[in-house]
C-alpha cells in the first residue's frame, strides 16, 4: 500500500472481538490507552426513551469500558469511547446511534489518501 513513514501509527479499527487489543487496553496505564481514540467527528448517542435496559451494550460488547448505567440510564463516556459502533449493532431497540460530522470525515479521508497509495 506504500504507506509513507510517519511519526505515529494510523489505523482504523473494526473491533473484531476475536483478536481485539481492547480486551487488554482497559487494564493498561492511561498513558498508553489514551493514545488510541476514535476518529474526529464520530460520536455515539443514546436515546434512553428507546432503551429497555437489556445491558447488552454494557455487559457484552463494549471493550473500552465507555458504557455505564447511572441514574437509571445508559450513558456513554465520549472520552473513553473508541467509536467502533459495536454497541450500535448489538442494540435491537435502535437506542444507540452512530453520528458523524461529514466535514471531519472528508478531512480524514483526504489525510488517508495523502498517506496511502491505493
PDB file of N, CA and C in Angstrom:
ATOM      1  N   UNK A   1       0.813  -1.192   0.000  1.00  0.00           N
ATOM      2  CA  UNK A   1       0.000   0.000   0.000  1.00  0.00           C
ATOM      3  C   UNK A   1       0.858   1.258   0.000  1.00  0.00           C
ATOM      4  N   UNK A   2       2.156   1.095   0.150  1.00  0.00           N
ATOM      5  CA  UNK A   2       3.083   2.222   0.109  1.00  0.00           C
ATOM      6  C   UNK A   2       2.752   3.289   1.150  1.00  0.00           C
ATOM      7  N   UNK A   3       2.586   2.870   2.394  1.00  0.00           N
ATOM      8  CA  UNK A   3       2.326   3.812   3.478  1.00  0.00           C
ATOM      9  C   UNK A   3       3.616   4.548   3.791  1.00  0.00           C
ATOM     10  N   UNK A   4       3.553   5.855   3.739  1.00  0.00           N
ATOM     11  CA  UNK A   4       4.747   6.666   3.975  1.00  0.00           C
ATOM     12  C   UNK A   4       5.100   6.665   5.458  1.00  0.00           C
ATOM     13  N   UNK A   5       6.401   6.732   5.769  1.00  0.00           N
ATOM     14  CA  UNK A   5       6.784   6.777   7.190  1.00  0.00           C
ATOM     15  C   UNK A   5       6.238   8.027   7.871  1.00  0.00           C
ATOM     16  N   UNK A   6       5.661   7.831   8.997  1.00  0.00           N
ATOM     17  CA  UNK A   6       5.115   8.930   9.798  1.00  0.00           C
ATOM     18  C   UNK A   6       5.512   8.701  11.244  1.00  0.00           C
ATOM     19  N   UNK A   7       5.378   9.727  12.056  1.00  0.00           N
ATOM     20  CA  UNK A   7       5.775   9.597  13.453  1.00  0.00           C
ATOM     21  C   UNK A   7       4.764   8.827  14.294  1.00  0.00           C
ATOM     22  N   UNK A   8       3.557   8.618  13.797  1.00  0.00           N
ATOM     23  CA  UNK A   8       2.548   7.893  14.563  1.00  0.00           C
ATOM     24  C   UNK A   8       1.903   6.804  13.737  1.00  0.00           C
ATOM     25  N   UNK A   9       1.368   5.829  14.400  1.00  0.00           N
ATOM     26  CA  UNK A   9       0.667   4.743  13.741  1.00  0.00           C
ATOM     27  C   UNK A   9      -0.773   5.171  13.495  1.00  0.00           C
ATOM     28  N   UNK A  10      -1.232   4.995  12.280  1.00  0.00           N
ATOM     29  CA  UNK A  10      -2.608   5.338  11.935  1.00  0.00           C
ATOM     30  C   UNK A  10      -3.314   4.060  11.520  1.00  0.00           C
ATOM     31  N   UNK A  11      -4.374   3.730  12.209  1.00  0.00           N
ATOM     32  CA  UNK A  11      -5.124   2.533  11.880  1.00  0.00           C
ATOM     33  C   UNK A  11      -6.603   2.793  12.133  1.00  0.00           C
ATOM     34  N   UNK A  12      -7.434   2.078  11.424  1.00  0.00           N
ATOM     35  CA  UNK A  12      -8.871   2.161  11.645  1.00  0.00           C
ATOM     36  C   UNK A  12      -9.317   0.794  12.137  1.00  0.00           C
ATOM     37  N   UNK A  13      -9.911   0.775  13.303  1.00  0.00           N
ATOM     38  CA  UNK A  13     -10.283  -0.473  13.956  1.00  0.00           C
ATOM     39  C   UNK A  13     -11.735  -0.829  13.656  1.00  0.00           C
ATOM     40  N   UNK A  14     -11.946  -2.101  13.416  1.00  0.00           N
ATOM     41  CA  UNK A  14     -13.311  -2.600  13.256  1.00  0.00           C
ATOM     42  C   UNK A  14     -13.711  -3.462  14.450  1.00  0.00           C
ATOM     43  N   UNK A  15     -12.894  -3.417  15.493  1.00  0.00           N
ATOM     44  CA  UNK A  15     -13.177  -4.068  16.780  1.00  0.00           C
ATOM     45  C   UNK A  15     -13.605  -5.524  16.659  1.00  0.00           C
ATOM     46  N   UNK A  16     -12.774  -6.291  16.024  1.00  0.00           N
ATOM     47  CA  UNK A  16     -13.028  -7.723  15.903  1.00  0.00           C
ATOM     48  C   UNK A  16     -12.907  -8.364  17.287  1.00  0.00           C
ATOM     49  N   UNK A  17     -13.986  -8.923  17.829  1.00  0.00           N
ATOM     50  CA  UNK A  17     -13.937  -9.447  19.196  1.00  0.00           C
ATOM     51  C   UNK A  17     -13.013 -10.646  19.374  1.00  0.00           C
ATOM     52  N   UNK A  18     -12.618 -11.317  18.297  1.00  0.00           N
ATOM     53  CA  UNK A  18     -11.762 -12.493  18.446  1.00  0.00           C
ATOM     54  C   UNK A  18     -10.299 -12.128  18.687  1.00  0.00           C
ATOM     55  N   UNK A  19      -9.887 -10.931  18.315  1.00  0.00           N
ATOM     56  CA  UNK A  19      -8.467 -10.589  18.454  1.00  0.00           C
ATOM     57  C   UNK A  19      -8.226  -9.156  18.898  1.00  0.00           C
ATOM     58  N   UNK A  20      -9.234  -8.491  19.348  1.00  0.00           N
ATOM     59  CA  UNK A  20      -9.139  -7.064  19.644  1.00  0.00           C
ATOM     60  C   UNK A  20      -8.191  -6.754  20.793  1.00  0.00           C
ATOM     61  N   UNK A  21      -7.308  -5.807  20.559  1.00  0.00           N
ATOM     62  CA  UNK A  21      -6.383  -5.345  21.575  1.00  0.00           C
ATOM     63  C   UNK A  21      -7.123  -4.724  22.755  1.00  0.00           C
ATOM     64  N   UNK A  22      -8.340  -4.235  22.522  1.00  0.00           N
ATOM     65  CA  UNK A  22      -9.095  -3.581  23.606  1.00  0.00           C
ATOM     66  C   UNK A  22      -9.444  -4.526  24.740  1.00  0.00           C
ATOM     67  N   UNK A  23      -9.283  -5.806  24.531  1.00  0.00           N
ATOM     68  CA  UNK A  23      -9.531  -6.724  25.636  1.00  0.00           C
ATOM     69  C   UNK A  23      -8.492  -6.534  26.739  1.00  0.00           C
ATOM     70  N   UNK A  24      -7.329  -5.984  26.397  1.00  0.00           N
ATOM     71  CA  UNK A  24      -6.303  -5.738  27.409  1.00  0.00           C
ATOM     72  C   UNK A  24      -6.086  -4.255  27.685  1.00  0.00           C
ATOM     73  N   UNK A  25      -6.449  -3.403  26.759  1.00  0.00           N
ATOM     74  CA  UNK A  25      -6.192  -1.971  26.915  1.00  0.00           C
ATOM     75  C   UNK A  25      -6.813  -1.386  28.190  1.00  0.00           C
ATOM     76  N   UNK A  26      -8.048  -1.754  28.571  1.00  0.00           N
ATOM     77  CA  UNK A  26      -8.595  -1.155  29.799  1.00  0.00           C
ATOM     78  C   UNK A  26      -7.746  -1.442  31.043  1.00  0.00           C
ATOM     79  N   UNK A  27      -6.935  -2.490  30.993  1.00  0.00           N
ATOM     80  CA  UNK A  27      -6.085  -2.830  32.135  1.00  0.00           C
ATOM     81  C   UNK A  27      -4.766  -2.052  32.120  1.00  0.00           C
ATOM     82  N   UNK A  28      -4.449  -1.413  30.999  1.00  0.00           N
ATOM     83  CA  UNK A  28      -3.184  -0.703  30.864  1.00  0.00           C
ATOM     84  C   UNK A  28      -3.244   0.695  31.456  1.00  0.00           C
ATOM     85  N   UNK A  29      -2.095   1.246  31.665  1.00  0.00           N
ATOM     86  CA  UNK A  29      -1.971   2.610  32.161  1.00  0.00           C
ATOM     87  C   UNK A  29      -2.629   3.585  31.184  1.00  0.00           C
ATOM     88  N   UNK A  30      -3.231   4.646  31.711  1.00  0.00           N
ATOM     89  CA  UNK A  30      -3.905   5.643  30.875  1.00  0.00           C
ATOM     90  C   UNK A  30      -2.968   6.276  29.849  1.00  0.00           C
ATOM     91  N   UNK A  31      -1.689   6.365  30.149  1.00  0.00           N
ATOM     92  CA  UNK A  31      -0.731   6.952  29.209  1.00  0.00           C
ATOM     93  C   UNK A  31      -0.677   6.162  27.905  1.00  0.00           C
ATOM     94  N   UNK A  32      -0.930   4.872  27.994  1.00  0.00           N
ATOM     95  CA  UNK A  32      -0.928   4.028  26.796  1.00  0.00           C
ATOM     96  C   UNK A  32      -2.307   4.040  26.141  1.00  0.00           C
ATOM     97  N   UNK A  33      -3.347   3.749  26.908  1.00  0.00           N
ATOM     98  CA  UNK A  33      -4.686   3.640  26.316  1.00  0.00           C
ATOM     99  C   UNK A  33      -5.195   4.971  25.771  1.00  0.00           C
ATOM    100  N   UNK A  34      -4.738   6.089  26.330  1.00  0.00           N
ATOM    101  CA  UNK A  34      -5.172   7.399  25.837  1.00  0.00           C
ATOM    102  C   UNK A  34      -4.633   7.723  24.448  1.00  0.00           C
ATOM    103  N   UNK A  35      -3.665   6.964  23.979  1.00  0.00           N
ATOM    104  CA  UNK A  35      -3.109   7.185  22.636  1.00  0.00           C
ATOM    105  C   UNK A  35      -4.058   6.689  21.549  1.00  0.00           C
ATOM    106  N   UNK A  36      -4.999   5.844  21.941  1.00  0.00           N
ATOM    107  CA  UNK A  36      -5.956   5.291  20.988  1.00  0.00           C
ATOM    108  C   UNK A  36      -7.289   5.994  21.167  1.00  0.00           C
ATOM    109  N   UNK A  37      -7.799   6.551  20.098  1.00  0.00           N
ATOM    110  CA  UNK A  37      -9.041   7.310  20.206  1.00  0.00           C
ATOM    111  C   UNK A  37      -9.861   7.155  18.937  1.00  0.00           C
ATOM    112  N   UNK A  38     -11.112   7.525  19.035  1.00  0.00           N
ATOM    113  CA  UNK A  38     -11.998   7.423  17.878  1.00  0.00           C
ATOM    114  C   UNK A  38     -11.665   8.518  16.869  1.00  0.00           C
ATOM    115  N   UNK A  39     -12.130   8.318  15.664  1.00  0.00           N
ATOM    116  CA  UNK A  39     -11.920   9.308  14.614  1.00  0.00           C
ATOM    117  C   UNK A  39     -12.624  10.607  14.971  1.00  0.00           C
ATOM    118  N   UNK A  40     -12.003  11.714  14.635  1.00  0.00           N
ATOM    119  CA  UNK A  40     -12.640  13.014  14.844  1.00  0.00           C
ATOM    120  C   UNK A  40     -13.968  13.055  14.098  1.00  0.00           C
ATOM    121  N   UNK A  41     -14.962  13.640  14.720  1.00  0.00           N
ATOM    122  CA  UNK A  41     -16.262  13.788  14.079  1.00  0.00           C
ATOM    123  C   UNK A  41     -17.201  12.616  14.267  1.00  0.00           C
ATOM    124  N   UNK A  42     -16.769  11.584  15.004  1.00  0.00           N
ATOM    125  CA  UNK A  42     -17.601  10.404  15.250  1.00  0.00           C
ATOM    126  C   UNK A  42     -18.073  10.438  16.700  1.00  0.00           C
ATOM    127  N   UNK A  43     -19.353  10.161  16.898  1.00  0.00           N
ATOM    128  CA  UNK A  43     -19.905  10.151  18.253  1.00  0.00           C
ATOM    129  C   UNK A  43     -21.009   9.104  18.347  1.00  0.00           C
ATOM    130  N   UNK A  44     -21.074   8.458  19.489  1.00  0.00           N
ATOM    131  CA  UNK A  44     -22.145   7.506  19.774  1.00  0.00           C
ATOM    132  C   UNK A  44     -23.179   8.227  20.638  1.00  0.00           C
ATOM    133  N   UNK A  45     -24.450   8.096  20.280  1.00  0.00           N
ATOM    134  CA  UNK A  45     -25.521   8.755  21.037  1.00  0.00           C
ATOM    135  C   UNK A  45     -26.527   7.713  21.517  1.00  0.00           C
ATOM    136  N   UNK A  46     -27.104   7.964  22.685  1.00  0.00           N
ATOM    137  CA  UNK A  46     -28.095   7.056  23.269  1.00  0.00           C
ATOM    138  C   UNK A  46     -29.418   7.775  23.427  1.00  0.00           C
ATOM    139  N   UNK A  47     -30.484   7.109  22.976  1.00  0.00           N
ATOM    140  CA  UNK A  47     -31.845   7.594  23.203  1.00  0.00           C
ATOM    141  C   UNK A  47     -32.441   6.690  24.277  1.00  0.00           C
ATOM    142  N   UNK A  48     -32.357   7.121  25.525  1.00  0.00           N
ATOM    143  CA  UNK A  48     -32.814   6.282  26.631  1.00  0.00           C
ATOM    144  C   UNK A  48     -34.317   6.031  26.620  1.00  0.00           C
ATOM    145  N   UNK A  49     -35.079   6.797  25.847  1.00  0.00           N
ATOM    146  CA  UNK A  49     -36.516   6.526  25.746  1.00  0.00           C
ATOM    147  C   UNK A  49     -36.773   5.238  24.957  1.00  0.00           C
ATOM    148  N   UNK A  50     -35.817   4.808  24.142  1.00  0.00           N
ATOM    149  CA  UNK A  50     -35.939   3.557  23.388  1.00  0.00           C
ATOM    150  C   UNK A  50     -35.280   2.383  24.108  1.00  0.00           C
ATOM    151  N   UNK A  51     -34.404   2.685  25.044  1.00  0.00           N
ATOM    152  CA  UNK A  51     -33.625   1.654  25.733  1.00  0.00           C
ATOM    153  C   UNK A  51     -34.519   0.841  26.673  1.00  0.00           C
ATOM    154  N   UNK A  52     -34.372  -0.493  26.637  1.00  0.00           N
ATOM    155  CA  UNK A  52     -35.138  -1.376  27.521  1.00  0.00           C
ATOM    156  C   UNK A  52     -34.259  -1.932  28.653  1.00  0.00           C
ATOM    157  N   UNK A  53     -33.081  -1.373  28.825  1.00  0.00           N
ATOM    158  CA  UNK A  53     -32.145  -1.774  29.882  1.00  0.00           C
ATOM    159  C   UNK A  53     -31.754  -3.247  29.809  1.00  0.00           C
ATOM    160  N   UNK A  54     -31.554  -3.757  28.613  1.00  0.00           N
ATOM    161  CA  UNK A  54     -31.112  -5.146  28.467  1.00  0.00           C
ATOM    162  C   UNK A  54     -29.646  -5.305  28.872  1.00  0.00           C
ATOM    163  N   UNK A  55     -28.901  -4.218  28.827  1.00  0.00           N
ATOM    164  CA  UNK A  55     -27.500  -4.145  29.251  1.00  0.00           C
ATOM    165  C   UNK A  55     -26.521  -4.880  28.334  1.00  0.00           C
ATOM    166  N   UNK A  56     -26.965  -5.293  27.147  1.00  0.00           N
ATOM    167  CA  UNK A  56     -26.042  -5.966  26.233  1.00  0.00           C
ATOM    168  C   UNK A  56     -24.890  -5.055  25.835  1.00  0.00           C
ATOM    169  N   UNK A  57     -25.175  -3.790  25.616  1.00  0.00           N
ATOM    170  CA  UNK A  57     -24.122  -2.846  25.235  1.00  0.00           C
ATOM    171  C   UNK A  57     -23.089  -2.705  26.347  1.00  0.00           C
ATOM    172  N   UNK A  58     -23.544  -2.738  27.572  1.00  0.00           N
ATOM    173  CA  UNK A  58     -22.677  -2.563  28.737  1.00  0.00           C
ATOM    174  C   UNK A  58     -21.929  -3.847  29.085  1.00  0.00           C
ATOM    175  N   UNK A  59     -22.636  -4.958  29.142  1.00  0.00           N
ATOM    176  CA  UNK A  59     -22.055  -6.203  29.645  1.00  0.00           C
ATOM    177  C   UNK A  59     -21.436  -7.107  28.590  1.00  0.00           C
ATOM    178  N   UNK A  60     -21.873  -6.994  27.340  1.00  0.00           N
ATOM    179  CA  UNK A  60     -21.434  -7.963  26.345  1.00  0.00           C
ATOM    180  C   UNK A  60     -20.497  -7.422  25.275  1.00  0.00           C
ATOM    181  N   UNK A  61     -20.500  -6.121  25.006  1.00  0.00           N
ATOM    182  CA  UNK A  61     -19.831  -5.700  23.783  1.00  0.00           C
ATOM    183  C   UNK A  61     -18.788  -4.601  23.931  1.00  0.00           C
ATOM    184  N   UNK A  62     -18.968  -3.651  24.815  1.00  0.00           N
ATOM    185  CA  UNK A  62     -18.050  -2.500  24.870  1.00  0.00           C
ATOM    186  C   UNK A  62     -16.708  -2.905  25.474  1.00  0.00           C
ATOM    187  N   UNK A  63     -15.681  -2.909  24.638  1.00  0.00           N
ATOM    188  CA  UNK A  63     -14.352  -3.324  25.072  1.00  0.00           C
ATOM    189  C   UNK A  63     -13.555  -2.187  25.698  1.00  0.00           C
ATOM    190  N   UNK A  64     -14.005  -0.960  25.529  1.00  0.00           N
ATOM    191  CA  UNK A  64     -13.251   0.171  26.079  1.00  0.00           C
ATOM    192  C   UNK A  64     -13.856   0.703  27.381  1.00  0.00           C
ATOM    193  N   UNK A  65     -14.848  -0.005  27.897  1.00  0.00           N
ATOM    194  CA  UNK A  65     -15.497   0.366  29.159  1.00  0.00           C
ATOM    195  C   UNK A  65     -16.044   1.792  29.135  1.00  0.00           C
ATOM    196  N   UNK A  66     -16.600   2.181  27.995  1.00  0.00           N
ATOM    197  CA  UNK A  66     -17.137   3.535  27.820  1.00  0.00           C
ATOM    198  C   UNK A  66     -18.610   3.636  28.192  1.00  0.00           C
ATOM    199  N   UNK A  67     -19.266   2.506  28.382  1.00  0.00           N
ATOM    200  CA  UNK A  67     -20.700   2.495  28.665  1.00  0.00           C
ATOM    201  C   UNK A  67     -20.924   2.204  30.142  1.00  0.00           C
ATOM    202  N   UNK A  68     -21.828   2.966  30.739  1.00  0.00           N
ATOM    203  CA  UNK A  68     -22.163   2.745  32.145  1.00  0.00           C
ATOM    204  C   UNK A  68     -23.670   2.918  32.332  1.00  0.00           C
ATOM    205  N   UNK A  69     -24.151   2.463  33.474  1.00  0.00           N
ATOM    206  CA  UNK A  69     -25.559   2.616  33.828  1.00  0.00           C
ATOM    207  C   UNK A  69     -25.612   3.462  35.089  1.00  0.00           C
ATOM    208  N   UNK A  70     -26.049   4.707  34.936  1.00  0.00           N
ATOM    209  CA  UNK A  70     -26.116   5.641  36.061  1.00  0.00           C
ATOM    210  C   UNK A  70     -27.443   6.381  36.015  1.00  0.00           C
ATOM    211  N   UNK A  71     -28.000   6.637  37.170  1.00  0.00           N
ATOM    212  CA  UNK A  71     -29.262   7.379  37.267  1.00  0.00           C
ATOM    213  C   UNK A  71     -30.351   6.759  36.392  1.00  0.00           C
ATOM    214  N   UNK A  72     -30.433   5.425  36.410  1.00  0.00           N
ATOM    215  CA  UNK A  72     -31.427   4.667  35.640  1.00  0.00           C
ATOM    216  C   UNK A  72     -31.343   4.901  34.141  1.00  0.00           C
ATOM    217  N   UNK A  73     -30.134   5.140  33.636  1.00  0.00           N
ATOM    218  CA  UNK A  73     -29.965   5.372  32.199  1.00  0.00           C
ATOM    219  C   UNK A  73     -28.584   4.898  31.742  1.00  0.00           C
ATOM    220  N   UNK A  74     -28.552   4.398  30.520  1.00  0.00           N
ATOM    221  CA  UNK A  74     -27.279   4.051  29.891  1.00  0.00           C
ATOM    222  C   UNK A  74     -26.587   5.355  29.507  1.00  0.00           C
ATOM    223  N   UNK A  75     -25.298   5.427  29.776  1.00  0.00           N
ATOM    224  CA  UNK A  75     -24.526   6.619  29.434  1.00  0.00           C
ATOM    225  C   UNK A  75     -23.245   6.223  28.712  1.00  0.00           C
ATOM    226  N   UNK A  76     -22.801   7.097  27.821  1.00  0.00           N
ATOM    227  CA  UNK A  76     -21.553   6.886  27.083  1.00  0.00           C
ATOM    228  C   UNK A  76     -20.534   7.917  27.550  1.00  0.00           C
ATOM    229  N   UNK A  77     -19.371   7.443  27.932  1.00  0.00           N
ATOM    230  CA  UNK A  77     -18.257   8.337  28.224  1.00  0.00           C
ATOM    231  C   UNK A  77     -17.544   8.578  26.892  1.00  0.00           C
ATOM    232  N   UNK A  78     -17.777   9.742  26.290  1.00  0.00           N
ATOM    233  CA  UNK A  78     -17.232  10.031  24.958  1.00  0.00           C
ATOM    234  C   UNK A  78     -15.705  10.049  24.957  1.00  0.00           C
ATOM    235  N   UNK A  79     -15.090  10.294  26.103  1.00  0.00           N
ATOM    236  CA  UNK A  79     -13.628  10.278  26.168  1.00  0.00           C
ATOM    237  C   UNK A  79     -13.060   8.866  26.114  1.00  0.00           C
ATOM    238  N   UNK A  80     -13.805   7.894  26.640  1.00  0.00           N
ATOM    239  CA  UNK A  80     -13.361   6.503  26.589  1.00  0.00           C
ATOM    240  C   UNK A  80     -13.807   5.800  25.312  1.00  0.00           C
ATOM    241  N   UNK A  81     -14.914   6.236  24.751  1.00  0.00           N
ATOM    242  CA  UNK A  81     -15.486   5.594  23.569  1.00  0.00           C
ATOM    243  C   UNK A  81     -14.513   5.664  22.400  1.00  0.00           C
ATOM    244  N   UNK A  82     -14.363   4.550  21.689  1.00  0.00           N
ATOM    245  CA  UNK A  82     -13.480   4.494  20.527  1.00  0.00           C
ATOM    246  C   UNK A  82     -14.253   4.550  19.215  1.00  0.00           C
ATOM    247  N   UNK A  83     -15.567   4.663  19.305  1.00  0.00           N
ATOM    248  CA  UNK A  83     -16.387   4.843  18.107  1.00  0.00           C
ATOM    249  C   UNK A  83     -16.442   3.643  17.188  1.00  0.00           C
ATOM    250  N   UNK A  84     -16.272   2.451  17.735  1.00  0.00           N
ATOM    251  CA  UNK A  84     -16.257   1.251  16.887  1.00  0.00           C
ATOM    252  C   UNK A  84     -17.644   0.906  16.352  1.00  0.00           C
ATOM    253  N   UNK A  85     -18.696   1.267  17.087  1.00  0.00           N
ATOM    254  CA  UNK A  85     -20.057   1.006  16.635  1.00  0.00           C
ATOM    255  C   UNK A  85     -20.611  -0.354  17.007  1.00  0.00           C
ATOM    256  N   UNK A  86     -19.860  -1.161  17.748  1.00  0.00           N
ATOM    257  CA  UNK A  86     -20.374  -2.476  18.132  1.00  0.00           C
ATOM    258  C   UNK A  86     -21.626  -2.367  18.998  1.00  0.00           C
ATOM    259  N   UNK A  87     -21.692  -1.342  19.837  1.00  0.00           N
ATOM    260  CA  UNK A  87     -22.886  -1.149  20.671  1.00  0.00           C
ATOM    261  C   UNK A  87     -24.099  -0.794  19.815  1.00  0.00           C
ATOM    262  N   UNK A  88     -23.870  -0.084  18.728  1.00  0.00           N
ATOM    263  CA  UNK A  88     -24.956   0.257  17.799  1.00  0.00           C
ATOM    264  C   UNK A  88     -25.509  -1.023  17.179  1.00  0.00           C
ATOM    265  N   UNK A  89     -24.604  -1.913  16.776  1.00  0.00           N
ATOM    266  CA  UNK A  89     -25.012  -3.164  16.130  1.00  0.00           C
ATOM    267  C   UNK A  89     -25.747  -4.109  17.066  1.00  0.00           C
ATOM    268  N   UNK A  90     -25.379  -4.120  18.339  1.00  0.00           N
ATOM    269  CA  UNK A  90     -25.991  -5.078  19.269  1.00  0.00           C
ATOM    270  C   UNK A  90     -27.345  -4.605  19.796  1.00  0.00           C
ATOM    271  N   UNK A  91     -27.627  -3.313  19.691  1.00  0.00           N
ATOM    272  CA  UNK A  91     -28.869  -2.761  20.243  1.00  0.00           C
ATOM    273  C   UNK A  91     -30.044  -2.990  19.286  1.00  0.00           C
ATOM    274  N   UNK A  92     -30.899  -3.917  19.640  1.00  0.00           N
ATOM    275  CA  UNK A  92     -32.056  -4.261  18.798  1.00  0.00           C
ATOM    276  C   UNK A  92     -33.175  -3.224  18.893  1.00  0.00           C
ATOM    277  N   UNK A  93     -33.091  -2.321  19.870  1.00  0.00           N
ATOM    278  CA  UNK A  93     -34.114  -1.283  20.037  1.00  0.00           C
ATOM    279  C   UNK A  93     -33.770  -0.002  19.278  1.00  0.00           C
ATOM    280  N   UNK A  94     -32.608   0.008  18.629  1.00  0.00           N
ATOM    281  CA  UNK A  94     -32.117   1.214  17.930  1.00  0.00           C
ATOM    282  C   UNK A  94     -32.011   2.410  18.870  1.00  0.00           C
ATOM    283  N   UNK A  95     -31.654   2.126  20.122  1.00  0.00           N
ATOM    284  CA  UNK A  95     -31.495   3.194  21.109  1.00  0.00           C
ATOM    285  C   UNK A  95     -30.111   3.833  21.033  1.00  0.00           C
ATOM    286  N   UNK A  96     -29.182   3.157  20.361  1.00  0.00           N
ATOM    287  CA  UNK A  96     -27.818   3.671  20.231  1.00  0.00           C
ATOM    288  C   UNK A  96     -27.558   3.948  18.757  1.00  0.00           C
ATOM    289  N   UNK A  97     -27.069   5.128  18.473  1.00  0.00           N
ATOM    290  CA  UNK A  97     -26.797   5.504  17.086  1.00  0.00           C
ATOM    291  C   UNK A  97     -25.391   6.066  16.945  1.00  0.00           C
ATOM    292  N   UNK A  98     -24.869   5.928  15.756  1.00  0.00           N
ATOM    293  CA  UNK A  98     -23.569   6.478  15.397  1.00  0.00           C
ATOM    294  C   UNK A  98     -23.813   7.768  14.641  1.00  0.00           C
ATOM    295  N   UNK A  99     -23.245   8.846  15.140  1.00  0.00           N
ATOM    296  CA  UNK A  99     -23.385  10.141  14.473  1.00  0.00           C
ATOM    297  C   UNK A  99     -22.010  10.569  13.998  1.00  0.00           C
ATOM    298  N   UNK A 100     -21.979  11.244  12.865  1.00  0.00           N
ATOM    299  CA  UNK A 100     -20.691  11.722  12.378  1.00  0.00           C
ATOM    300  C   UNK A 100     -20.853  13.041  11.656  1.00  0.00           C
ATOM    301  N   UNK A 101     -19.770  13.785  11.648  1.00  0.00           N
ATOM    302  CA  UNK A 101     -19.708  15.088  11.012  1.00  0.00           C
ATOM    303  C   UNK A 101     -19.067  14.906   9.638  1.00  0.00           C
ATOM    304  N   UNK A 102     -19.814  15.207   8.577  1.00  0.00           N
ATOM    305  CA  UNK A 102     -19.323  14.989   7.215  1.00  0.00           C
ATOM    306  C   UNK A 102     -17.998  15.691   6.935  1.00  0.00           C
ATOM    307  N   UNK A 103     -17.831  16.921   7.402  1.00  0.00           N
ATOM    308  CA  UNK A 103     -16.587  17.660   7.150  1.00  0.00           C
ATOM    309  C   UNK A 103     -15.394  16.964   7.798  1.00  0.00           C
ATOM    310  N   UNK A 104     -15.575  16.488   9.002  1.00  0.00           N
ATOM    311  CA  UNK A 104     -14.488  15.786   9.692  1.00  0.00           C
ATOM    312  C   UNK A 104     -14.121  14.503   8.963  1.00  0.00           C
ATOM    313  N   UNK A 105     -15.124  13.758   8.525  1.00  0.00           N
ATOM    314  CA  UNK A 105     -14.872  12.509   7.809  1.00  0.00           C
ATOM    315  C   UNK A 105     -14.165  12.792   6.487  1.00  0.00           C
ATOM    316  N   UNK A 106     -14.609  13.804   5.751  1.00  0.00           N
ATOM    317  CA  UNK A 106     -13.942  14.173   4.496  1.00  0.00           C
ATOM    318  C   UNK A 106     -12.487  14.547   4.739  1.00  0.00           C
ATOM    319  N   UNK A 107     -12.217  15.244   5.815  1.00  0.00           N
ATOM    320  CA  UNK A 107     -10.850  15.634   6.161  1.00  0.00           C
ATOM    321  C   UNK A 107      -9.983  14.404   6.433  1.00  0.00           C
ATOM    322  N   UNK A 108     -10.532  13.429   7.136  1.00  0.00           N
ATOM    323  CA  UNK A 108      -9.800  12.199   7.434  1.00  0.00           C
ATOM    324  C   UNK A 108      -9.531  11.416   6.153  1.00  0.00           C
ATOM    325  N   UNK A 109     -10.522  11.312   5.282  1.00  0.00           N
ATOM    326  CA  UNK A 109     -10.343  10.609   4.006  1.00  0.00           C
ATOM    327  C   UNK A 109      -9.237  11.275   3.195  1.00  0.00           C
ATOM    328  N   UNK A 110      -9.237  12.587   3.142  1.00  0.00           N
ATOM    329  CA  UNK A 110      -8.184  13.303   2.420  1.00  0.00           C
ATOM    330  C   UNK A 110      -6.815  13.028   3.026  1.00  0.00           C
ATOM    331  N   UNK A 111      -6.738  12.997   4.344  1.00  0.00           N
ATOM    332  CA  UNK A 111      -5.476  12.702   5.021  1.00  0.00           C
ATOM    333  C   UNK A 111      -4.990  11.302   4.653  1.00  0.00           C
ATOM    334  N   UNK A 112      -5.899  10.332   4.674  1.00  0.00           N
ATOM    335  CA  UNK A 112      -5.534   8.959   4.327  1.00  0.00           C
ATOM    336  C   UNK A 112      -5.078   8.846   2.879  1.00  0.00           C
ATOM    337  N   UNK A 113      -5.757   9.530   1.985  1.00  0.00           N
ATOM    338  CA  UNK A 113      -5.375   9.479   0.575  1.00  0.00           C
ATOM    339  C   UNK A 113      -3.973  10.029   0.357  1.00  0.00           C
ATOM    340  N   UNK A 114      -3.551  10.972   1.183  1.00  0.00           N
ATOM    341  CA  UNK A 114      -2.207  11.520   1.073  1.00  0.00           C
ATOM    342  C   UNK A 114      -1.147  10.608   1.685  1.00  0.00           C
ATOM    343  N   UNK A 115      -1.553   9.689   2.547  1.00  0.00           N
ATOM    344  CA  UNK A 115      -0.613   8.799   3.223  1.00  0.00           C
ATOM    345  C   UNK A 115      -0.461   7.441   2.550  1.00  0.00           C
ATOM    346  N   UNK A 116      -1.504   6.999   1.860  1.00  0.00           N
ATOM    347  CA  UNK A 116      -1.538   5.637   1.338  1.00  0.00           C
ATOM    348  C   UNK A 116      -1.793   5.652  -0.158  1.00  0.00           C
ATOM    349  N   UNK A 117      -1.038   4.838  -0.855  1.00  0.00           N
ATOM    350  CA  UNK A 117      -1.231   4.685  -2.295  1.00  0.00           C
ATOM    351  C   UNK A 117      -2.167   3.501  -2.519  1.00  0.00           C
ATOM    352  N   UNK A 118      -3.356   3.781  -2.999  1.00  0.00           N
ATOM    353  CA  UNK A 118      -4.338   2.705  -3.209  1.00  0.00           C
ATOM    354  C   UNK A 118      -4.280   2.164  -4.613  1.00  0.00           C
TER     355      UNK A 118
END
